PDB file of N, CA and C in Angstrom:
ATOM      1  N   GLU A   1      37.190 134.570  21.768  1.00  0.00           N
ATOM      2  CA  GLU A   1      37.606 133.174  21.871  1.00  0.00           C
ATOM      3  C   GLU A   1      38.353 132.733  20.610  1.00  0.00           C
ATOM      4  N   GLN A   2      37.784 133.019  19.440  1.00  0.00           N
ATOM      5  CA  GLN A   2      38.441 132.646  18.188  1.00  0.00           C
ATOM      6  C   GLN A   2      39.758 133.398  18.035  1.00  0.00           C
ATOM      7  N   ARG A   3      39.753 134.659  18.447  1.00  0.00           N
ATOM      8  CA  ARG A   3      40.944 135.481  18.328  1.00  0.00           C
ATOM      9  C   ARG A   3      42.074 134.919  19.192  1.00  0.00           C
ATOM     10  N   CYS A   4      41.742 134.499  20.399  1.00  0.00           N
ATOM     11  CA  CYS A   4      42.749 133.904  21.293  1.00  0.00           C
ATOM     12  C   CYS A   4      43.297 132.603  20.711  1.00  0.00           C
ATOM     13  N   ALA A   5      42.428 131.814  20.118  1.00  0.00           N
ATOM     14  CA  ALA A   5      42.876 130.561  19.504  1.00  0.00           C
ATOM     15  C   ALA A   5      43.811 130.841  18.332  1.00  0.00           C
ATOM     16  N   LEU A   6      43.490 131.861  17.546  1.00  0.00           N
ATOM     17  CA  LEU A   6      44.340 132.227  16.415  1.00  0.00           C
ATOM     18  C   LEU A   6      45.694 132.724  16.901  1.00  0.00           C
ATOM     19  N   ILE A   7      45.705 133.544  17.946  1.00  0.00           N
ATOM     20  CA  ILE A   7      46.965 134.041  18.503  1.00  0.00           C
ATOM     21  C   ILE A   7      47.797 132.881  19.031  1.00  0.00           C
ATOM     22  N   ASP A   8      47.160 131.933  19.686  1.00  0.00           N
ATOM     23  CA  ASP A   8      47.884 130.754  20.179  1.00  0.00           C
ATOM     24  C   ASP A   8      48.479 129.946  19.033  1.00  0.00           C
ATOM     25  N   GLN A   9      47.730 129.806  17.938  1.00  0.00           N
ATOM     26  CA  GLN A   9      48.245 129.063  16.779  1.00  0.00           C
ATOM     27  C   GLN A   9      49.435 129.783  16.144  1.00  0.00           C
ATOM     28  N   VAL A  10      49.331 131.102  16.018  1.00  0.00           N
ATOM     29  CA  VAL A  10      50.431 131.887  15.444  1.00  0.00           C
ATOM     30  C   VAL A  10      51.657 131.798  16.344  1.00  0.00           C
ATOM     31  N   THR A  11      51.446 131.877  17.644  1.00  0.00           N
ATOM     32  CA  THR A  11      52.563 131.779  18.586  1.00  0.00           C
ATOM     33  C   THR A  11      53.243 130.417  18.487  1.00  0.00           C
ATOM     34  N   THR A  12      52.448 129.369  18.419  1.00  0.00           N
ATOM     35  CA  THR A  12      53.011 128.023  18.285  1.00  0.00           C
ATOM     36  C   THR A  12      53.814 127.906  16.997  1.00  0.00           C
ATOM     37  N   LEU A  13      53.263 128.414  15.910  1.00  0.00           N
ATOM     38  CA  LEU A  13      53.980 128.382  14.632  1.00  0.00           C
ATOM     39  C   LEU A  13      55.286 129.172  14.720  1.00  0.00           C
ATOM     40  N   ASN A  14      55.238 130.353  15.334  1.00  0.00           N
ATOM     41  CA  ASN A  14      56.455 131.158  15.499  1.00  0.00           C
ATOM     42  C   ASN A  14      57.506 130.415  16.310  1.00  0.00           C
ATOM     43  N   ARG A  15      57.085 129.807  17.407  1.00  0.00           N
ATOM     44  CA  ARG A  15      58.036 129.104  18.267  1.00  0.00           C
ATOM     45  C   ARG A  15      58.633 127.880  17.570  1.00  0.00           C
ATOM     46  N   VAL A  16      57.797 127.140  16.841  1.00  0.00           N
ATOM     47  CA  VAL A  16      58.277 125.938  16.149  1.00  0.00           C
ATOM     48  C   VAL A  16      59.231 126.308  15.017  1.00  0.00           C
ATOM     49  N   MET A  17      58.929 127.339  14.270  1.00  0.00           N
ATOM     50  CA  MET A  17      59.759 127.728  13.122  1.00  0.00           C
ATOM     51  C   MET A  17      61.023 128.471  13.533  1.00  0.00           C
ATOM     52  N   LEU A  18      61.077 128.937  14.771  1.00  0.00           N
ATOM     53  CA  LEU A  18      62.241 129.691  15.229  1.00  0.00           C
ATOM     54  C   LEU A  18      63.501 128.827  15.235  1.00  0.00           C
ATOM     55  N   TYR A  19      63.397 127.594  15.701  1.00  0.00           N
ATOM     56  CA  TYR A  19      64.570 126.718  15.799  1.00  0.00           C
ATOM     57  C   TYR A  19      65.188 126.396  14.434  1.00  0.00           C
ATOM     58  N   PRO A  20      64.415 125.904  13.464  1.00  0.00           N
ATOM     59  CA  PRO A  20      65.055 125.639  12.167  1.00  0.00           C
ATOM     60  C   PRO A  20      65.512 126.917  11.474  1.00  0.00           C
ATOM     61  N   SER A  21      64.819 128.014  11.702  1.00  0.00           N
ATOM     62  CA  SER A  21      65.219 129.279  11.071  1.00  0.00           C
ATOM     63  C   SER A  21      66.578 129.736  11.566  1.00  0.00           C
ATOM     64  N   VAL A  22      66.767 129.715  12.867  1.00  0.00           N
ATOM     65  CA  VAL A  22      68.055 130.125  13.435  1.00  0.00           C
ATOM     66  C   VAL A  22      69.153 129.164  12.984  1.00  0.00           C
ATOM     67  N   PHE A  23      68.849 127.880  12.995  1.00  0.00           N
ATOM     68  CA  PHE A  23      69.828 126.878  12.567  1.00  0.00           C
ATOM     69  C   PHE A  23      70.239 127.104  11.108  1.00  0.00           C
ATOM     70  N   LEU A  24      69.274 127.274  10.226  1.00  0.00           N
ATOM     71  CA  LEU A  24      69.585 127.449   8.803  1.00  0.00           C
ATOM     72  C   LEU A  24      70.307 128.769   8.537  1.00  0.00           C
ATOM     73  N   LEU A  25      69.933 129.823   9.246  1.00  0.00           N
ATOM     74  CA  LEU A  25      70.640 131.093   9.082  1.00  0.00           C
ATOM     75  C   LEU A  25      72.082 130.960   9.551  1.00  0.00           C
ATOM     76  N   ALA A  26      72.303 130.270  10.660  1.00  0.00           N
ATOM     77  CA  ALA A  26      73.670 130.056  11.154  1.00  0.00           C
ATOM     78  C   ALA A  26      74.483 129.231  10.158  1.00  0.00           C
ATOM     79  N   ILE A  27      73.876 128.199   9.603  1.00  0.00           N
ATOM     80  CA  ILE A  27      74.573 127.377   8.594  1.00  0.00           C
ATOM     81  C   ILE A  27      74.906 128.234   7.370  1.00  0.00           C
ATOM     82  N   GLY A  28      73.963 129.072   6.945  1.00  0.00           N
ATOM     83  CA  GLY A  28      74.213 129.946   5.793  1.00  0.00           C
ATOM     84  C   GLY A  28      75.365 130.912   6.032  1.00  0.00           C
ATOM     85  N   ILE A  29      75.409 131.501   7.221  1.00  0.00           N
ATOM     86  CA  ILE A  29      76.512 132.406   7.547  1.00  0.00           C
ATOM     87  C   ILE A  29      77.830 131.637   7.606  1.00  0.00           C
ATOM     88  N   PHE A  30      77.800 130.458   8.202  1.00  0.00           N
ATOM     89  CA  PHE A  30      79.007 129.632   8.305  1.00  0.00           C
ATOM     90  C   PHE A  30      79.521 129.236   6.918  1.00  0.00           C
ATOM     91  N   LEU A  31      78.637 128.755   6.055  1.00  0.00           N
ATOM     92  CA  LEU A  31      79.058 128.360   4.699  1.00  0.00           C
ATOM     93  C   LEU A  31      79.517 129.567   3.888  1.00  0.00           C
ATOM     94  N   GLY A  32      78.863 130.709   4.093  1.00  0.00           N
ATOM     95  CA  GLY A  32      79.298 131.931   3.425  1.00  0.00           C
ATOM     96  C   GLY A  32      80.691 132.351   3.858  1.00  0.00           C
ATOM     97  N   ALA A  33      80.997 132.157   5.130  1.00  0.00           N
ATOM     98  CA  ALA A  33      82.335 132.486   5.626  1.00  0.00           C
ATOM     99  C   ALA A  33      83.379 131.563   5.014  1.00  0.00           C
ATOM    100  N   ILE A  34      83.062 130.290   4.899  1.00  0.00           N
ATOM    101  CA  ILE A  34      83.994 129.344   4.266  1.00  0.00           C
ATOM    102  C   ILE A  34      84.222 129.732   2.801  1.00  0.00           C
ATOM    103  N   TRP A  35      83.139 130.044   2.103  1.00  0.00           N
ATOM    104  CA  TRP A  35      83.240 130.452   0.701  1.00  0.00           C
ATOM    105  C   TRP A  35      84.058 131.738   0.570  1.00  0.00           C
ATOM    106  N   ALA A  36      83.856 132.687   1.491  1.00  0.00           N
ATOM    107  CA  ALA A  36      84.617 133.936   1.451  1.00  0.00           C
ATOM    108  C   ALA A  36      86.106 133.681   1.665  1.00  0.00           C
ATOM    109  N   ASN A  37      86.423 132.746   2.536  1.00  0.00           N
ATOM    110  CA  ASN A  37      87.831 132.427   2.756  1.00  0.00           C
ATOM    111  C   ASN A  37      88.466 131.835   1.504  1.00  0.00           C
ATOM    112  N   VAL A  38      87.740 130.981   0.820  1.00  0.00           N
ATOM    113  CA  VAL A  38      88.257 130.393  -0.422  1.00  0.00           C
ATOM    114  C   VAL A  38      88.406 131.471  -1.497  1.00  0.00           C
ATOM    115  N   SER A  39      87.433 132.359  -1.594  1.00  0.00           N
ATOM    116  CA  SER A  39      87.430 133.373  -2.651  1.00  0.00           C
ATOM    117  C   SER A  39      88.353 134.546  -2.371  1.00  0.00           C
ATOM    118  N   TRP A  40      88.313 135.076  -1.149  1.00  0.00           N
ATOM    119  CA  TRP A  40      89.033 136.310  -0.843  1.00  0.00           C
ATOM    120  C   TRP A  40      90.128 136.157   0.193  1.00  0.00           C
ATOM    121  N   GLY A  41      90.274 134.954   0.735  1.00  0.00           N
ATOM    122  CA  GLY A  41      91.348 134.731   1.690  1.00  0.00           C
ATOM    123  C   GLY A  41      91.047 135.168   3.112  1.00  0.00           C
ATOM    124  N   ARG A  42      89.811 135.487   3.418  1.00  0.00           N
ATOM    125  CA  ARG A  42      89.426 135.826   4.799  1.00  0.00           C
ATOM    126  C   ARG A  42      87.987 135.388   5.025  1.00  0.00           C
ATOM    127  N   TYR A  43      87.717 134.982   6.248  1.00  0.00           N
ATOM    128  CA  TYR A  43      86.392 134.464   6.575  1.00  0.00           C
ATOM    129  C   TYR A  43      85.357 135.574   6.739  1.00  0.00           C
ATOM    130  N   TRP A  44      85.762 136.689   7.264  1.00  0.00           N
ATOM    131  CA  TRP A  44      84.812 137.742   7.621  1.00  0.00           C
ATOM    132  C   TRP A  44      85.434 139.090   7.323  1.00  0.00           C
ATOM    133  N   SER A  45      84.658 139.991   6.722  1.00  0.00           N
ATOM    134  CA  SER A  45      85.210 141.305   6.398  1.00  0.00           C
ATOM    135  C   SER A  45      84.408 142.455   7.007  1.00  0.00           C
ATOM    136  N   TRP A  46      83.425 142.149   7.826  1.00  0.00           N
ATOM    137  CA  TRP A  46      82.549 143.152   8.443  1.00  0.00           C
ATOM    138  C   TRP A  46      81.866 144.028   7.404  1.00  0.00           C
ATOM    139  N   ASP A  47      81.588 143.457   6.262  1.00  0.00           N
ATOM    140  CA  ASP A  47      80.783 144.105   5.238  1.00  0.00           C
ATOM    141  C   ASP A  47      79.381 144.325   5.828  1.00  0.00           C
ATOM    142  N   PRO A  48      78.668 145.390   5.436  1.00  0.00           N
ATOM    143  CA  PRO A  48      77.336 145.623   6.001  1.00  0.00           C
ATOM    144  C   PRO A  48      76.370 144.446   5.853  1.00  0.00           C
ATOM    145  N   LYS A  49      76.411 143.735   4.751  1.00  0.00           N
ATOM    146  CA  LYS A  49      75.509 142.585   4.569  1.00  0.00           C
ATOM    147  C   LYS A  49      75.860 141.475   5.559  1.00  0.00           C
ATOM    148  N   GLU A  50      77.145 141.204   5.717  1.00  0.00           N
ATOM    149  CA  GLU A  50      77.572 140.184   6.683  1.00  0.00           C
ATOM    150  C   GLU A  50      77.186 140.589   8.107  1.00  0.00           C
ATOM    151  N   THR A  51      77.419 141.844   8.416  1.00  0.00           N
ATOM    152  CA  THR A  51      77.131 142.335   9.755  1.00  0.00           C
ATOM    153  C   THR A  51      75.635 142.265  10.056  1.00  0.00           C
ATOM    154  N   TRP A  52      74.798 142.672   9.110  1.00  0.00           N
ATOM    155  CA  TRP A  52      73.359 142.610   9.326  1.00  0.00           C
ATOM    156  C   TRP A  52      72.849 141.174   9.363  1.00  0.00           C
ATOM    157  N   ALA A  53      73.480 140.280   8.649  1.00  0.00           N
ATOM    158  CA  ALA A  53      73.104 138.863   8.755  1.00  0.00           C
ATOM    159  C   ALA A  53      73.413 138.349  10.160  1.00  0.00           C
ATOM    160  N   LEU A  54      74.553 138.747  10.711  1.00  0.00           N
ATOM    161  CA  LEU A  54      74.906 138.351  12.076  1.00  0.00           C
ATOM    162  C   LEU A  54      73.953 138.986  13.092  1.00  0.00           C
ATOM    163  N   ILE A  55      73.612 140.245  12.906  1.00  0.00           N
ATOM    164  CA  ILE A  55      72.647 140.910  13.788  1.00  0.00           C
ATOM    165  C   ILE A  55      71.309 140.179  13.740  1.00  0.00           C
ATOM    166  N   THR A  56      70.863 139.818  12.552  1.00  0.00           N
ATOM    167  CA  THR A  56      69.606 139.086  12.404  1.00  0.00           C
ATOM    168  C   THR A  56      69.666 137.756  13.139  1.00  0.00           C
ATOM    169  N   LEU A  57      70.775 137.051  13.015  1.00  0.00           N
ATOM    170  CA  LEU A  57      70.940 135.779  13.723  1.00  0.00           C
ATOM    171  C   LEU A  57      70.852 135.983  15.234  1.00  0.00           C
ATOM    172  N   MET A  58      71.528 136.986  15.736  1.00  0.00           N
ATOM    173  CA  MET A  58      71.513 137.234  17.182  1.00  0.00           C
ATOM    174  C   MET A  58      70.121 137.646  17.668  1.00  0.00           C
ATOM    175  N   VAL A  59      69.446 138.480  16.892  1.00  0.00           N
ATOM    176  CA  VAL A  59      68.104 138.921  17.282  1.00  0.00           C
ATOM    177  C   VAL A  59      67.142 137.741  17.324  1.00  0.00           C
ATOM    178  N   TYR A  60      67.220 136.854  16.358  1.00  0.00           N
ATOM    179  CA  TYR A  60      66.338 135.684  16.338  1.00  0.00           C
ATOM    180  C   TYR A  60      66.766 134.622  17.354  1.00  0.00           C
ATOM    181  N   ALA A  61      68.025 134.629  17.779  1.00  0.00           N
ATOM    182  CA  ALA A  61      68.480 133.648  18.767  1.00  0.00           C
ATOM    183  C   ALA A  61      68.068 134.025  20.188  1.00  0.00           C
ATOM    184  N   VAL A  62      67.797 135.297  20.435  1.00  0.00           N
ATOM    185  CA  VAL A  62      67.426 135.738  21.783  1.00  0.00           C
ATOM    186  C   VAL A  62      66.212 134.978  22.331  1.00  0.00           C
ATOM    187  N   PRO A  63      65.100 134.846  21.599  1.00  0.00           N
ATOM    188  CA  PRO A  63      63.945 134.144  22.179  1.00  0.00           C
ATOM    189  C   PRO A  63      64.161 132.646  22.401  1.00  0.00           C
ATOM    190  N   LEU A  64      65.237 132.084  21.890  1.00  0.00           N
ATOM    191  CA  LEU A  64      65.514 130.679  22.165  1.00  0.00           C
ATOM    192  C   LEU A  64      65.786 130.451  23.651  1.00  0.00           C
ATOM    193  N   HIS A  65      66.127 131.514  24.350  1.00  0.00           N
ATOM    194  CA  HIS A  65      66.402 131.452  25.781  1.00  0.00           C
ATOM    195  C   HIS A  65      65.190 131.927  26.579  1.00  0.00           C
ATOM    196  N   ARG A  66      64.019 131.519  26.166  1.00  0.00           N
ATOM    197  CA  ARG A  66      62.784 132.063  26.721  1.00  0.00           C
ATOM    198  C   ARG A  66      62.589 131.757  28.196  1.00  0.00           C
ATOM    199  N   GLN A  67      63.215 130.725  28.729  1.00  0.00           N
ATOM    200  CA  GLN A  67      63.060 130.439  30.158  1.00  0.00           C
ATOM    201  C   GLN A  67      63.698 131.531  31.013  1.00  0.00           C
ATOM    202  N   SER A  68      64.733 132.152  30.499  1.00  0.00           N
ATOM    203  CA  SER A  68      65.408 133.204  31.258  1.00  0.00           C
ATOM    204  C   SER A  68      64.938 134.608  30.875  1.00  0.00           C
ATOM    205  N   LEU A  69      64.079 134.706  29.871  1.00  0.00           N
ATOM    206  CA  LEU A  69      63.578 136.006  29.431  1.00  0.00           C
ATOM    207  C   LEU A  69      62.081 136.099  29.692  1.00  0.00           C
ATOM    208  N   ALA A  70      61.696 137.066  30.497  1.00  0.00           N
ATOM    209  CA  ALA A  70      60.286 137.200  30.877  1.00  0.00           C
ATOM    210  C   ALA A  70      59.400 137.491  29.671  1.00  0.00           C
ATOM    211  N   PHE A  71      59.864 138.346  28.738  1.00  0.00           N
ATOM    212  CA  PHE A  71      59.017 138.725  27.611  1.00  0.00           C
ATOM    213  C   PHE A  71      58.682 137.540  26.716  1.00  0.00           C
ATOM    214  N   ALA A  72      59.591 136.592  26.602  1.00  0.00           N
ATOM    215  CA  ALA A  72      59.395 135.477  25.670  1.00  0.00           C
ATOM    216  C   ALA A  72      58.410 134.442  26.196  1.00  0.00           C
ATOM    217  N   ARG A  73      58.066 134.535  27.468  1.00  0.00           N
ATOM    218  CA  ARG A  73      57.113 133.584  28.036  1.00  0.00           C
ATOM    219  C   ARG A  73      55.669 133.959  27.730  1.00  0.00           C
ATOM    220  N   HIS A  74      55.431 135.209  27.413  1.00  0.00           N
ATOM    221  CA  HIS A  74      54.077 135.685  27.140  1.00  0.00           C
ATOM    222  C   HIS A  74      53.846 135.747  25.634  1.00  0.00           C
ATOM    223  N   ASN A  75      52.748 135.181  25.181  1.00  0.00           N
ATOM    224  CA  ASN A  75      52.465 135.097  23.743  1.00  0.00           C
ATOM    225  C   ASN A  75      52.469 136.459  23.076  1.00  0.00           C
ATOM    226  N   LYS A  76      51.813 137.426  23.677  1.00  0.00           N
ATOM    227  CA  LYS A  76      51.704 138.748  23.054  1.00  0.00           C
ATOM    228  C   LYS A  76      53.081 139.390  22.882  1.00  0.00           C
ATOM    229  N   HIS A  77      53.881 139.369  23.931  1.00  0.00           N
ATOM    230  CA  HIS A  77      55.206 139.982  23.853  1.00  0.00           C
ATOM    231  C   HIS A  77      56.118 139.237  22.882  1.00  0.00           C
ATOM    232  N   PHE A  78      56.013 137.918  22.887  1.00  0.00           N
ATOM    233  CA  PHE A  78      56.823 137.109  21.971  1.00  0.00           C
ATOM    234  C   PHE A  78      56.474 137.431  20.521  1.00  0.00           C
ATOM    235  N   ASN A  79      55.186 137.511  20.202  1.00  0.00           N
ATOM    236  CA  ASN A  79      54.767 137.798  18.826  1.00  0.00           C
ATOM    237  C   ASN A  79      55.171 139.199  18.395  1.00  0.00           C
ATOM    238  N   ILE A  80      55.101 140.154  19.297  1.00  0.00           N
ATOM    239  CA  ILE A  80      55.544 141.520  18.977  1.00  0.00           C
ATOM    240  C   ILE A  80      57.043 141.519  18.699  1.00  0.00           C
ATOM    241  N   TYR A  81      57.808 140.802  19.519  1.00  0.00           N
ATOM    242  CA  TYR A  81      59.260 140.725  19.321  1.00  0.00           C
ATOM    243  C   TYR A  81      59.597 140.091  17.976  1.00  0.00           C
ATOM    244  N   ILE A  82      58.936 138.990  17.653  1.00  0.00           N
ATOM    245  CA  ILE A  82      59.212 138.298  16.389  1.00  0.00           C
ATOM    246  C   ILE A  82      58.853 139.189  15.201  1.00  0.00           C
ATOM    247  N   THR A  83      57.760 139.920  15.312  1.00  0.00           N
ATOM    248  CA  THR A  83      57.372 140.843  14.241  1.00  0.00           C
ATOM    249  C   THR A  83      58.421 141.930  14.070  1.00  0.00           C
ATOM    250  N   CYS A  84      58.909 142.480  15.166  1.00  0.00           N
ATOM    251  CA  CYS A  84      59.960 143.501  15.085  1.00  0.00           C
ATOM    252  C   CYS A  84      61.278 142.904  14.581  1.00  0.00           C
ATOM    253  N   ALA A  85      61.543 141.659  14.965  1.00  0.00           N
ATOM    254  CA  ALA A  85      62.781 140.994  14.508  1.00  0.00           C
ATOM    255  C   ALA A  85      62.777 140.824  12.994  1.00  0.00           C
ATOM    256  N   PHE A  86      61.590 140.679  12.432  1.00  0.00           N
ATOM    257  CA  PHE A  86      61.500 140.542  10.980  1.00  0.00           C
ATOM    258  C   PHE A  86      62.024 141.787  10.270  1.00  0.00           C
ATOM    259  N   LEU A  87      62.010 142.925  10.946  1.00  0.00           N
ATOM    260  CA  LEU A  87      62.581 144.142  10.364  1.00  0.00           C
ATOM    261  C   LEU A  87      64.081 143.966  10.105  1.00  0.00           C
ATOM    262  N   CYS A  88      64.747 143.167  10.934  1.00  0.00           N
ATOM    263  CA  CYS A  88      66.169 142.868  10.686  1.00  0.00           C
ATOM    264  C   CYS A  88      66.343 142.092   9.388  1.00  0.00           C
ATOM    265  N   VAL A  89      65.422 141.176   9.133  1.00  0.00           N
ATOM    266  CA  VAL A  89      65.478 140.411   7.880  1.00  0.00           C
ATOM    267  C   VAL A  89      65.310 141.358   6.700  1.00  0.00           C
ATOM    268  N   LEU A  90      64.337 142.254   6.794  1.00  0.00           N
ATOM    269  CA  LEU A  90      64.108 143.214   5.709  1.00  0.00           C
ATOM    270  C   LEU A  90      65.326 144.112   5.503  1.00  0.00           C
ATOM    271  N   MET A  91      65.952 144.536   6.608  1.00  0.00           N
ATOM    272  CA  MET A  91      67.148 145.368   6.488  1.00  0.00           C
ATOM    273  C   MET A  91      68.281 144.575   5.839  1.00  0.00           C
ATOM    274  N   THR A  92      68.430 143.317   6.223  1.00  0.00           N
ATOM    275  CA  THR A  92      69.507 142.491   5.657  1.00  0.00           C
ATOM    276  C   THR A  92      69.327 142.287   4.163  1.00  0.00           C
ATOM    277  N   PHE A  93      68.106 141.992   3.737  1.00  0.00           N
ATOM    278  CA  PHE A  93      67.883 141.683   2.328  1.00  0.00           C
ATOM    279  C   PHE A  93      67.743 142.921   1.449  1.00  0.00           C
ATOM    280  N   PHE A  94      67.066 143.946   1.954  1.00  0.00           N
ATOM    281  CA  PHE A  94      66.790 145.110   1.112  1.00  0.00           C
ATOM    282  C   PHE A  94      67.524 146.368   1.552  1.00  0.00           C
ATOM    283  N   GLY A  95      67.515 146.642   2.836  1.00  0.00           N
ATOM    284  CA  GLY A  95      68.063 147.896   3.344  1.00  0.00           C
ATOM    285  C   GLY A  95      69.535 148.084   3.087  1.00  0.00           C
ATOM    286  N   VAL A  96      70.299 147.018   3.219  1.00  0.00           N
ATOM    287  CA  VAL A  96      71.743 147.124   2.984  1.00  0.00           C
ATOM    288  C   VAL A  96      72.017 147.549   1.553  1.00  0.00           C
ATOM    289  N   ASN A  97      71.267 147.008   0.624  1.00  0.00           N
ATOM    290  CA  ASN A  97      71.483 147.354  -0.791  1.00  0.00           C
ATOM    291  C   ASN A  97      71.136 148.807  -1.079  1.00  0.00           C
ATOM    292  N   TYR A  98      70.138 149.350  -0.402  1.00  0.00           N
ATOM    293  CA  TYR A  98      69.678 150.700  -0.692  1.00  0.00           C
ATOM    294  C   TYR A  98      70.351 151.770   0.160  1.00  0.00           C
ATOM    295  N   PHE A  99      70.701 151.437   1.415  1.00  0.00           N
ATOM    296  CA  PHE A  99      71.204 152.451   2.333  1.00  0.00           C
ATOM    297  C   PHE A  99      72.692 152.345   2.621  1.00  0.00           C
ATOM    298  N   LEU A 100      73.255 151.184   2.467  1.00  0.00           N
ATOM    299  CA  LEU A 100      74.661 150.967   2.813  1.00  0.00           C
ATOM    300  C   LEU A 100      75.411 150.421   1.603  1.00  0.00           C
ATOM    301  N   GLY A 101      76.699 150.587   1.597  1.00  0.00           N
ATOM    302  CA  GLY A 101      77.509 150.085   0.482  1.00  0.00           C
ATOM    303  C   GLY A 101      78.139 148.747   0.820  1.00  0.00           C
ATOM    304  N   GLY A 102      79.223 148.458   0.159  1.00  0.00           N
ATOM    305  CA  GLY A 102      79.947 147.229   0.443  1.00  0.00           C
ATOM    306  C   GLY A 102      79.942 146.292  -0.742  1.00  0.00           C
ATOM    307  N   MET A 103      80.662 145.193  -0.582  1.00  0.00           N
ATOM    308  CA  MET A 103      80.795 144.250  -1.700  1.00  0.00           C
ATOM    309  C   MET A 103      79.514 143.470  -1.961  1.00  0.00           C
ATOM    310  N   HIS A 104      78.581 143.461  -1.011  1.00  0.00           N
ATOM    311  CA  HIS A 104      77.331 142.741  -1.202  1.00  0.00           C
ATOM    312  C   HIS A 104      76.202 143.629  -1.724  1.00  0.00           C
ATOM    313  N   ALA A 105      76.479 144.891  -1.970  1.00  0.00           N
ATOM    314  CA  ALA A 105      75.454 145.805  -2.482  1.00  0.00           C
ATOM    315  C   ALA A 105      75.302 145.596  -3.985  1.00  0.00           C
ATOM    316  N   TYR A 106      74.064 145.547  -4.422  1.00  0.00           N
ATOM    317  CA  TYR A 106      73.788 145.318  -5.838  1.00  0.00           C
ATOM    318  C   TYR A 106      73.176 146.571  -6.430  1.00  0.00           C
ATOM    319  N   ALA A 107      73.596 146.895  -7.635  1.00  0.00           N
ATOM    320  CA  ALA A 107      73.128 148.126  -8.280  1.00  0.00           C
ATOM    321  C   ALA A 107      71.699 148.008  -8.742  1.00  0.00           C
TER     322      ALA A 107
END
């Protein structure tokens, strides 16, 4: 009983935080593109960091359409998806720097 209540609370938190997270990530990518255009004369260069940020945005945007996706309606499947989606965040922040090159890679 307690475990089910905890899972429900985590699911609610995940669902509530999903909307501002996707919105803020989209704003960050948009502002980064504007800054890139000012700095380098192009909005997007398909650099690995940019590409993984876009992949992360798309992966996190998928559950926003939960009425049309069967997996997103069930708490267990939704939480598993969100946990796996977090791997995209880790790849964007850390993996690109260690495994891929590009102008966003830091030594």
